[in-house]
Amino acid sequence: MAQVRFWKEFHQLKVQVIFVQELLLEAERNERLVKIAVAITSSASIGAWVVWKEWAVVWAAIIAGSQVLSAIHPHLPYKERLKTYSAVFRELEKLFIEAEHKWQSIADGTTGTKQIDRERMLLQKKKDVTLDKYMHSSVFPYRPKIAVRAQSEATRYFSHYYPREDDLEITNSIGAQLEISQMNEYADERR
């Protein structure tokens, strides 16, 4: 039972690592889009306004919008989220590597029940310390699609690196075709 509890905590940690990684990628994308939008609209609009004077009102509105975006950009949360998500991601990834190392001795049966429970509690405490350190005044946003994708990627990770006996038979018989199929599936999800 202690092994199962540790495994569930270990699995959940991987889901959380992937979830934070996806939030980080989303924050990077948003930050980049805002910067690109400001750069393009402010410089292109001025040039277009001069060329097409009959659309002067439209170009004036675009320029005004880009100026408002430029003014509020420093107050948008993306830059702060980038720092926070990046730090949390790095800490959780380190914690996952540590937990994966501990899982090896738990899985081979050399660790007793009480020690497994202590390791699981220590893992939870370290995770809480990380979240308190970087997210003390906020929480992660609710993103159901990212959560589902994180769960799916974690399951794929564990089925690849920790296959069950029946999974090994399937993998050996199918061979590289299974791996190619999984890579194509992963590529399709990322698009």
C-alpha atoms as a PDB file:
ATOM      1  CA  MET A   1       0.000   0.000   0.000  1.00  0.00           C
ATOM      2  CA  ALA A   2       2.849   2.428   0.787  1.00  0.00           C
ATOM      3  CA  GLN A   3       4.366   1.725  -2.626  1.00  0.00           C
ATOM      4  CA  VAL A   4       1.068   2.577  -4.303  1.00  0.00           C
ATOM      5  CA  ARG A   5       0.770   5.851  -2.379  1.00  0.00           C
ATOM      6  CA  PHE A   6       4.325   6.831  -3.305  1.00  0.00           C
ATOM      7  CA  TRP A   7       3.684   5.876  -6.936  1.00  0.00           C
ATOM      8  CA  LYS A   8       0.560   8.058  -7.046  1.00  0.00           C
ATOM      9  CA  GLU A   9       2.435  11.000  -5.545  1.00  0.00           C
ATOM     10  CA  PHE A  10       5.312  10.383  -7.961  1.00  0.00           C
ATOM     11  CA  HIS A  11       2.904  10.236 -10.927  1.00  0.00           C
ATOM     12  CA  GLN A  12       1.065  13.367  -9.796  1.00  0.00           C
ATOM     13  CA  LEU A  13       4.362  15.219  -9.495  1.00  0.00           C
ATOM     14  CA  LYS A  14       5.131  14.406 -13.147  1.00  0.00           C
ATOM     15  CA  VAL A  15       1.697  15.703 -14.147  1.00  0.00           C
ATOM     16  CA  GLN A  16       2.405  18.915 -12.233  1.00  0.00           C
ATOM     17  CA  VAL A  17       5.834  19.312 -13.840  1.00  0.00           C
ATOM     18  CA  ILE A  18       4.286  19.016 -17.292  1.00  0.00           C
ATOM     19  CA  PHE A  19       1.389  21.333 -16.367  1.00  0.00           C
ATOM     20  CA  VAL A  20       3.772  24.063 -15.195  1.00  0.00           C
ATOM     21  CA  GLN A  21       5.927  23.560 -18.277  1.00  0.00           C
ATOM     22  CA  GLU A  22       2.856  24.085 -20.481  1.00  0.00           C
ATOM     23  CA  LEU A  23       1.900  27.224 -18.522  1.00  0.00           C
ATOM     24  CA  LEU A  24       5.453  28.505 -18.988  1.00  0.00           C
ATOM     25  CA  LEU A  25       5.260  27.912 -22.742  1.00  0.00           C
ATOM     26  CA  GLU A  26       1.889  29.682 -22.859  1.00  0.00           C
ATOM     27  CA  ALA A  27       3.243  32.685 -20.918  1.00  0.00           C
ATOM     28  CA  GLU A  28       6.265  32.890 -23.243  1.00  0.00           C
ATOM     29  CA  ARG A  29       3.967  32.791 -26.270  1.00  0.00           C
ATOM     30  CA  ASN A  30       1.711  35.524 -24.854  1.00  0.00           C
ATOM     31  CA  GLU A  31       4.636  37.760 -23.935  1.00  0.00           C
ATOM     32  CA  ARG A  32       6.118  37.337 -27.413  1.00  0.00           C
ATOM     33  CA  LEU A  33       2.774  38.067 -29.114  1.00  0.00           C
ATOM     34  CA  VAL A  34       2.276  41.287 -27.146  1.00  0.00           C
ATOM     35  CA  LYS A  35       5.784  42.488 -27.997  1.00  0.00           C
ATOM     36  CA  ILE A  36       5.353  41.625 -31.673  1.00  0.00           C
ATOM     37  CA  ALA A  37       1.936  43.296 -31.815  1.00  0.00           C
ATOM     38  CA  VAL A  38       3.295  46.496 -30.271  1.00  0.00           C
ATOM     39  CA  ALA A  39       6.310  46.566 -32.579  1.00  0.00           C
ATOM     40  CA  ILE A  40       4.363  45.878 -35.761  1.00  0.00           C
ATOM     41  CA  THR A  41       1.386  48.113 -35.104  1.00  0.00           C
ATOM     42  CA  SER A  42       3.377  51.109 -33.941  1.00  0.00           C
ATOM     43  CA  SER A  43       5.923  51.125 -36.769  1.00  0.00           C
ATOM     44  CA  ALA A  44       3.769  49.791 -39.630  1.00  0.00           C
ATOM     45  CA  SER A  45       0.776  51.962 -38.762  1.00  0.00           C
ATOM     46  CA  ILE A  46       2.707  55.209 -38.936  1.00  0.00           C
ATOM     47  CA  GLY A  47       4.008  54.293 -42.392  1.00  0.00           C
ATOM     48  CA  ALA A  48       0.585  53.150 -43.595  1.00  0.00           C
ATOM     49  CA  TRP A  49      -1.081  56.302 -42.269  1.00  0.00           C
ATOM     50  CA  VAL A  50       1.179  58.426 -44.426  1.00  0.00           C
ATOM     51  CA  VAL A  51       0.551  56.303 -47.552  1.00  0.00           C
ATOM     52  CA  TRP A  52      -3.214  55.806 -47.206  1.00  0.00           C
ATOM     53  CA  LYS A  53      -4.595  59.076 -45.945  1.00  0.00           C
ATOM     54  CA  GLU A  54      -8.167  58.080 -46.842  1.00  0.00           C
ATOM     55  CA  TRP A  55      -8.001  55.496 -44.019  1.00  0.00           C
ATOM     56  CA  ALA A  56      -6.545  57.978 -41.560  1.00  0.00           C
ATOM     57  CA  VAL A  57      -9.164  57.232 -38.881  1.00  0.00           C
ATOM     58  CA  VAL A  58      -8.445  53.488 -39.011  1.00  0.00           C
ATOM     59  CA  TRP A  59      -4.697  54.027 -38.825  1.00  0.00           C
ATOM     60  CA  ALA A  60      -5.094  56.550 -36.012  1.00  0.00           C
ATOM     61  CA  ALA A  61      -7.127  53.948 -34.068  1.00  0.00           C
ATOM     62  CA  ILE A  62      -4.478  51.270 -34.672  1.00  0.00           C
ATOM     63  CA  ILE A  63      -1.718  53.627 -33.529  1.00  0.00           C
ATOM     64  CA  ALA A  64      -3.726  54.622 -30.456  1.00  0.00           C
ATOM     65  CA  GLY A  65      -4.348  50.956 -29.667  1.00  0.00           C
ATOM     66  CA  SER A  66      -0.660  50.134 -29.967  1.00  0.00           C
ATOM     67  CA  GLN A  67       0.178  53.065 -27.694  1.00  0.00           C
ATOM     68  CA  VAL A  68      -2.300  51.822 -25.091  1.00  0.00           C
ATOM     69  CA  LEU A  69      -0.810  48.313 -25.384  1.00  0.00           C
ATOM     70  CA  SER A  70       2.685  49.787 -24.981  1.00  0.00           C
ATOM     71  CA  ALA A  71       1.553  51.688 -21.892  1.00  0.00           C
ATOM     72  CA  ILE A  72      -0.110  48.713 -20.200  1.00  0.00           C
ATOM     73  CA  HIS A  73       2.451  46.096 -21.286  1.00  0.00           C
ATOM     74  CA  PRO A  74       4.674  46.571 -18.207  1.00  0.00           C
ATOM     75  CA  HIS A  75       1.607  45.965 -16.029  1.00  0.00           C
ATOM     76  CA  LEU A  76       0.517  42.763 -17.772  1.00  0.00           C
ATOM     77  CA  PRO A  77       1.301  39.612 -15.766  1.00  0.00           C
ATOM     78  CA  TYR A  78       3.207  37.728 -18.465  1.00  0.00           C
ATOM     79  CA  LYS A  79       6.726  38.797 -17.530  1.00  0.00           C
ATOM     80  CA  GLU A  80       6.153  38.002 -13.844  1.00  0.00           C
ATOM     81  CA  ARG A  81       4.510  34.709 -14.747  1.00  0.00           C
ATOM     82  CA  LEU A  82       7.520  33.799 -16.863  1.00  0.00           C
ATOM     83  CA  LYS A  83       9.808  34.222 -13.865  1.00  0.00           C
ATOM     84  CA  THR A  84       7.487  32.382 -11.496  1.00  0.00           C
ATOM     85  CA  TYR A  85       6.624  29.485 -13.803  1.00  0.00           C
ATOM     86  CA  SER A  86      10.251  29.081 -14.817  1.00  0.00           C
ATOM     87  CA  ALA A  87      11.425  28.885 -11.204  1.00  0.00           C
ATOM     88  CA  VAL A  88       8.621  26.511 -10.164  1.00  0.00           C
ATOM     89  CA  PHE A  89       9.238  24.324 -13.216  1.00  0.00           C
ATOM     90  CA  ARG A  90      12.964  24.007 -12.464  1.00  0.00           C
ATOM     91  CA  GLU A  91      12.342  23.171  -8.794  1.00  0.00           C
ATOM     92  CA  LEU A  92       9.615  20.626  -9.526  1.00  0.00           C
ATOM     93  CA  GLU A  93      11.734  19.021 -12.251  1.00  0.00           C
ATOM     94  CA  LYS A  94      14.608  18.600  -9.767  1.00  0.00           C
ATOM     95  CA  LEU A  95      12.193  17.177  -7.222  1.00  0.00           C
ATOM     96  CA  PHE A  96      10.848  14.746  -9.821  1.00  0.00           C
ATOM     97  CA  ILE A  97      14.358  13.513 -10.648  1.00  0.00           C
ATOM     98  CA  GLU A  98      14.982  12.986  -6.940  1.00  0.00           C
ATOM     99  CA  ALA A  99      11.663  11.135  -6.562  1.00  0.00           C
ATOM    100  CA  GLU A 100      12.426   8.986  -9.592  1.00  0.00           C
ATOM    101  CA  HIS A 101      15.720   7.991  -8.013  1.00  0.00           C
ATOM    102  CA  LYS A 102      13.934   7.072  -4.781  1.00  0.00           C
ATOM    103  CA  TRP A 103      11.315   5.118  -6.696  1.00  0.00           C
ATOM    104  CA  GLN A 104      13.995   2.731  -7.910  1.00  0.00           C
ATOM    105  CA  SER A 105      14.727   1.498  -4.384  1.00  0.00           C
ATOM    106  CA  ILE A 106      11.039   1.474  -3.497  1.00  0.00           C
ATOM    107  CA  ALA A 107      10.100  -0.531  -6.589  1.00  0.00           C
ATOM    108  CA  ASP A 108      12.777  -3.166  -6.046  1.00  0.00           C
ATOM    109  CA  GLY A 109      11.447  -3.808  -2.534  1.00  0.00           C
ATOM    110  CA  THR A 110      14.528  -2.734  -0.569  1.00  0.00           C
ATOM    111  CA  THR A 111      12.683   0.083   1.195  1.00  0.00           C
ATOM    112  CA  GLY A 112      10.353  -0.630   4.102  1.00  0.00           C
ATOM    113  CA  THR A 113       6.804   0.666   4.476  1.00  0.00           C
ATOM    114  CA  LYS A 114       7.625   3.284   7.105  1.00  0.00           C
ATOM    115  CA  GLN A 115      10.534   4.614   5.049  1.00  0.00           C
ATOM    116  CA  ILE A 116       8.351   4.778   1.935  1.00  0.00           C
ATOM    117  CA  ASP A 117       5.742   6.795   3.845  1.00  0.00           C
ATOM    118  CA  ARG A 118       8.487   9.127   5.143  1.00  0.00           C
ATOM    119  CA  GLU A 119       9.814   9.590   1.610  1.00  0.00           C
ATOM    120  CA  ARG A 120       6.330  10.363   0.317  1.00  0.00           C
ATOM    121  CA  MET A 121       5.722  12.899   3.078  1.00  0.00           C
ATOM    122  CA  LEU A 122       9.122  14.473   2.411  1.00  0.00           C
ATOM    123  CA  LEU A 123       8.251  14.707  -1.272  1.00  0.00           C
ATOM    124  CA  GLN A 124       4.965  16.447  -0.438  1.00  0.00           C
ATOM    125  CA  LYS A 125       6.707  18.857   1.945  1.00  0.00           C
ATOM    126  CA  LYS A 126       9.367  19.764  -0.612  1.00  0.00           C
ATOM    127  CA  LYS A 127       6.679  20.400  -3.189  1.00  0.00           C
ATOM    128  CA  ASP A 128       4.783  22.617  -0.731  1.00  0.00           C
ATOM    129  CA  VAL A 129       7.961  24.548   0.100  1.00  0.00           C
ATOM    130  CA  THR A 130       8.557  25.185  -3.600  1.00  0.00           C
ATOM    131  CA  LEU A 131       5.009  26.384  -4.182  1.00  0.00           C
ATOM    132  CA  ASP A 132       5.067  28.573  -1.063  1.00  0.00           C
ATOM    133  CA  LYS A 133       8.393  30.063  -2.118  1.00  0.00           C
ATOM    134  CA  TYR A 134       7.322  31.075  -5.615  1.00  0.00           C
ATOM    135  CA  MET A 135       3.525  31.155  -5.498  1.00  0.00           C
ATOM    136  CA  HIS A 136       2.884  32.464  -1.990  1.00  0.00           C
ATOM    137  CA  SER A 137       0.340  35.059  -3.121  1.00  0.00           C
ATOM    138  CA  SER A 138      -1.184  33.384  -6.169  1.00  0.00           C
ATOM    139  CA  VAL A 139      -2.378  30.097  -7.601  1.00  0.00           C
ATOM    140  CA  PHE A 140      -2.000  28.407 -10.969  1.00  0.00           C
ATOM    141  CA  PRO A 141      -4.734  29.299 -13.428  1.00  0.00           C
ATOM    142  CA  TYR A 142      -7.361  26.704 -14.194  1.00  0.00           C
ATOM    143  CA  ARG A 143      -6.612  25.340 -17.682  1.00  0.00           C
ATOM    144  CA  PRO A 144      -8.552  22.099 -18.274  1.00  0.00           C
ATOM    145  CA  LYS A 145      -7.030  21.428 -21.720  1.00  0.00           C
ATOM    146  CA  ILE A 146      -3.511  21.808 -20.335  1.00  0.00           C
ATOM    147  CA  ALA A 147      -4.403  19.582 -17.376  1.00  0.00           C
ATOM    148  CA  VAL A 148      -5.682  16.834 -19.685  1.00  0.00           C
ATOM    149  CA  ARG A 149      -2.607  17.145 -21.898  1.00  0.00           C
ATOM    150  CA  ALA A 150      -0.316  17.007 -18.838  1.00  0.00           C
ATOM    151  CA  GLN A 151      -2.065  13.870 -17.574  1.00  0.00           C
ATOM    152  CA  SER A 152      -1.789  12.264 -21.002  1.00  0.00           C
ATOM    153  CA  GLU A 153       1.908  13.108 -21.375  1.00  0.00           C
ATOM    154  CA  ALA A 154       2.664  11.832 -17.872  1.00  0.00           C
ATOM    155  CA  THR A 155       0.872   8.571 -18.615  1.00  0.00           C
ATOM    156  CA  ARG A 156       2.836   8.270 -21.849  1.00  0.00           C
ATOM    157  CA  TYR A 157       6.085   8.953 -19.960  1.00  0.00           C
ATOM    158  CA  PHE A 158       5.399   6.282 -17.362  1.00  0.00           C
ATOM    159  CA  SER A 159       4.195   3.687 -19.845  1.00  0.00           C
ATOM    160  CA  HIS A 160       7.393   4.244 -21.833  1.00  0.00           C
ATOM    161  CA  TYR A 161       9.891   4.221 -18.950  1.00  0.00           C
ATOM    162  CA  TYR A 162       8.015   1.980 -16.500  1.00  0.00           C
ATOM    163  CA  PRO A 163       6.138  -0.548 -18.643  1.00  0.00           C
ATOM    164  CA  ARG A 164       4.102  -3.320 -17.064  1.00  0.00           C
ATOM    165  CA  GLU A 165       4.891  -6.933 -17.943  1.00  0.00           C
ATOM    166  CA  ASP A 166       2.097  -7.123 -20.550  1.00  0.00           C
ATOM    167  CA  ASP A 167       3.253  -3.781 -21.972  1.00  0.00           C
ATOM    168  CA  LEU A 168       6.729  -5.250 -22.490  1.00  0.00           C
ATOM    169  CA  GLU A 169       5.326  -8.082 -24.583  1.00  0.00           C
ATOM    170  CA  ILE A 170       3.381  -5.652 -26.755  1.00  0.00           C
ATOM    171  CA  THR A 171       6.354  -3.321 -27.106  1.00  0.00           C
ATOM    172  CA  ASN A 172       8.687  -6.164 -28.063  1.00  0.00           C
ATOM    173  CA  SER A 173       6.289  -7.526 -30.679  1.00  0.00           C
ATOM    174  CA  ILE A 174       5.405  -4.170 -32.205  1.00  0.00           C
ATOM    175  CA  GLY A 175       8.881  -2.660 -31.813  1.00  0.00           C
ATOM    176  CA  ALA A 176       9.654   0.614 -33.490  1.00  0.00           C
ATOM    177  CA  GLN A 177       6.173   0.968 -35.000  1.00  0.00           C
ATOM    178  CA  LEU A 178       4.704   1.719 -31.576  1.00  0.00           C
ATOM    179  CA  GLU A 179       7.308   4.364 -30.851  1.00  0.00           C
ATOM    180  CA  ILE A 180       6.782   6.030 -34.241  1.00  0.00           C
ATOM    181  CA  SER A 181       3.031   6.002 -33.648  1.00  0.00           C
ATOM    182  CA  GLN A 182       3.473   7.620 -30.222  1.00  0.00           C
ATOM    183  CA  MET A 183       5.803  10.264 -31.651  1.00  0.00           C
ATOM    184  CA  ASN A 184       3.259  11.086 -34.388  1.00  0.00           C
ATOM    185  CA  GLU A 185       0.499  11.267 -31.798  1.00  0.00           C
ATOM    186  CA  TYR A 186       2.594  13.589 -29.650  1.00  0.00           C
ATOM    187  CA  ALA A 187       3.419  15.795 -32.668  1.00  0.00           C
ATOM    188  CA  ASP A 188      -0.295  16.006 -33.572  1.00  0.00           C
ATOM    189  CA  GLU A 189      -1.211  17.069 -30.012  1.00  0.00           C
ATOM    190  CA  ARG A 190       1.452  19.774 -30.000  1.00  0.00           C
ATOM    191  CA  ARG A 191       0.062  21.392 -33.183  1.00  0.00           C
END
